[in-house]
């Protein structure tokens, strides 16, 4: 991430970044960023996880506020165990959830304790 401050970053500098947990286990990489349309607030990072060599990866929405950037690792860190992430409700690239659906949102908030 170069040519800007530590507080502002281009999406191109975030998409493709690794996501690790506190145990420094690689959980996947950021595939997409989901914004709230009206306010412009970043809501979720979409993480690819699972599969092999990028094939068969499932996608998972991660609360943006649950991640922090670690410059030493050039990665984002989330405080979640790899095994717990495996139990999250994932989706595939052709069938995204409706992030505004109250049922999905409640399940999501319950899983991540938000």
Protein backbone atom coordinates (compact mmCIF):
# COMPACT_ATOMS: atom_id res chain seq x y z
CA UNK A 1 0.00 0.00 0.00
CA UNK A 2 1.79 3.05 -1.20
CA UNK A 3 1.25 6.62 -2.28
CA UNK A 4 -1.37 7.40 0.36
CA UNK A 5 -1.79 7.82 4.08
CA UNK A 6 -2.37 5.00 6.51
CA UNK A 7 -6.01 6.07 6.90
CA UNK A 8 -7.09 6.10 3.24
CA UNK A 9 -6.59 3.30 0.77
CA UNK A 10 -7.75 2.34 -2.71
CA UNK A 11 -9.90 -0.77 -3.01
CA UNK A 12 -7.31 -2.18 -5.41
CA UNK A 13 -4.86 -2.18 -2.48
CA UNK A 14 -7.28 -4.19 -0.32
CA UNK A 15 -8.71 -6.74 -2.76
CA UNK A 16 -6.37 -9.69 -2.95
CA UNK A 17 -4.84 -9.09 0.49
CA UNK A 18 -4.44 -12.10 2.73
CA UNK A 19 -6.58 -12.47 5.82
CA UNK A 20 -5.02 -14.16 8.83
CA UNK A 21 -6.10 -14.84 12.38
CA UNK A 22 -4.27 -14.04 15.63
CA UNK A 23 -2.46 -17.39 15.38
CA UNK A 24 -1.05 -16.21 12.01
CA UNK A 25 -3.02 -18.89 10.14
CA UNK A 26 -3.91 -17.86 6.62
CA UNK A 27 -7.70 -17.87 6.33
CA UNK A 28 -8.02 -16.68 2.75
CA UNK A 29 -7.96 -13.47 0.81
CA UNK A 30 -10.26 -10.52 0.25
CA UNK A 31 -12.21 -10.91 -2.97
CA UNK A 32 -14.61 -7.97 -2.71
CA UNK A 33 -15.68 -5.06 -0.55
CA UNK A 34 -19.38 -4.42 0.13
CA UNK A 35 -20.50 -0.83 0.71
CA UNK A 36 -23.72 0.61 1.99
CA UNK A 37 -25.13 2.36 -1.06
CA UNK A 38 -26.50 5.53 0.53
CA UNK A 39 -23.91 6.30 3.23
CA UNK A 40 -20.90 4.81 1.45
CA UNK A 41 -19.90 3.04 4.67
CA UNK A 42 -17.88 -0.14 4.22
CA UNK A 43 -19.96 -3.00 5.60
CA UNK A 44 -18.21 -6.24 4.70
CA UNK A 45 -15.11 -7.72 3.21
CA UNK A 46 -15.82 -10.85 1.20
CA UNK A 47 -13.26 -13.49 1.99
CA UNK A 48 -12.48 -16.53 -0.15
CA UNK A 49 -11.73 -19.57 1.97
CA UNK A 50 -11.45 -23.30 1.42
CA UNK A 51 -10.96 -25.06 -1.84
CA UNK A 52 -7.57 -25.88 -3.32
CA UNK A 53 -5.37 -23.51 -5.31
CA UNK A 54 -8.27 -21.09 -5.63
CA UNK A 55 -10.66 -23.72 -6.97
CA UNK A 56 -13.81 -24.50 -5.04
CA UNK A 57 -13.36 -21.59 -2.65
CA UNK A 58 -16.42 -20.54 -0.74
CA UNK A 59 -17.03 -16.86 -0.05
CA UNK A 60 -17.76 -15.44 3.39
CA UNK A 61 -18.86 -11.97 4.43
CA UNK A 62 -16.71 -10.66 7.26
CA UNK A 63 -17.73 -7.53 9.18
CA UNK A 64 -15.38 -4.75 8.13
CA UNK A 65 -15.08 -3.54 11.72
CA UNK A 66 -13.93 -7.04 12.78
CA UNK A 67 -10.74 -6.69 10.73
CA UNK A 68 -7.60 -4.70 11.33
CA UNK A 69 -4.70 -4.12 8.99
CA UNK A 70 -1.30 -5.48 10.02
CA UNK A 71 1.48 -3.69 8.11
CA UNK A 72 4.12 -6.16 9.31
CA UNK A 73 2.26 -9.02 7.63
CA UNK A 74 0.77 -6.88 4.83
CA UNK A 75 -2.47 -8.66 5.71
CA UNK A 76 -5.75 -8.11 7.50
CA UNK A 77 -6.26 -9.83 10.83
CA UNK A 78 -9.55 -11.13 12.19
CA UNK A 79 -10.02 -12.63 15.61
CA UNK A 80 -11.64 -15.88 14.56
CA UNK A 81 -10.49 -19.46 14.75
CA UNK A 82 -10.03 -21.24 11.42
CA UNK A 83 -12.33 -24.06 12.54
CA UNK A 84 -15.09 -21.60 13.51
CA UNK A 85 -14.82 -19.92 10.11
CA UNK A 86 -15.47 -23.30 8.50
CA UNK A 87 -18.89 -23.31 10.21
CA UNK A 88 -19.87 -19.85 8.91
CA UNK A 89 -22.58 -19.53 6.27
CA UNK A 90 -20.67 -19.24 3.04
CA UNK A 91 -21.88 -18.66 -0.48
CA UNK A 92 -20.55 -19.11 -3.97
CA UNK A 93 -19.59 -16.47 -6.49
CA UNK A 94 -22.80 -17.02 -8.49
CA UNK A 95 -25.23 -16.96 -5.56
CA UNK A 96 -24.63 -14.09 -3.15
CA UNK A 97 -26.92 -13.54 -0.17
CA UNK A 98 -29.15 -10.51 0.13
CA UNK A 99 -27.09 -8.57 2.68
CA UNK A 100 -30.16 -6.47 3.54
CA UNK A 101 -32.36 -9.48 4.34
CA UNK A 102 -33.23 -9.29 8.07
CA UNK A 103 -32.98 -13.08 8.50
CA UNK A 104 -29.52 -13.20 6.92
CA UNK A 105 -28.43 -10.15 8.90
CA UNK A 106 -29.58 -11.65 12.22
CA UNK A 107 -27.79 -14.94 11.52
CA UNK A 108 -24.66 -13.04 10.48
CA UNK A 109 -24.71 -10.81 13.57
CA UNK A 110 -25.27 -13.82 15.83
CA UNK A 111 -22.33 -15.70 14.31
CA UNK A 112 -19.91 -12.78 14.62
CA UNK A 113 -21.39 -11.49 17.91
CA UNK A 114 -22.37 -8.08 16.50
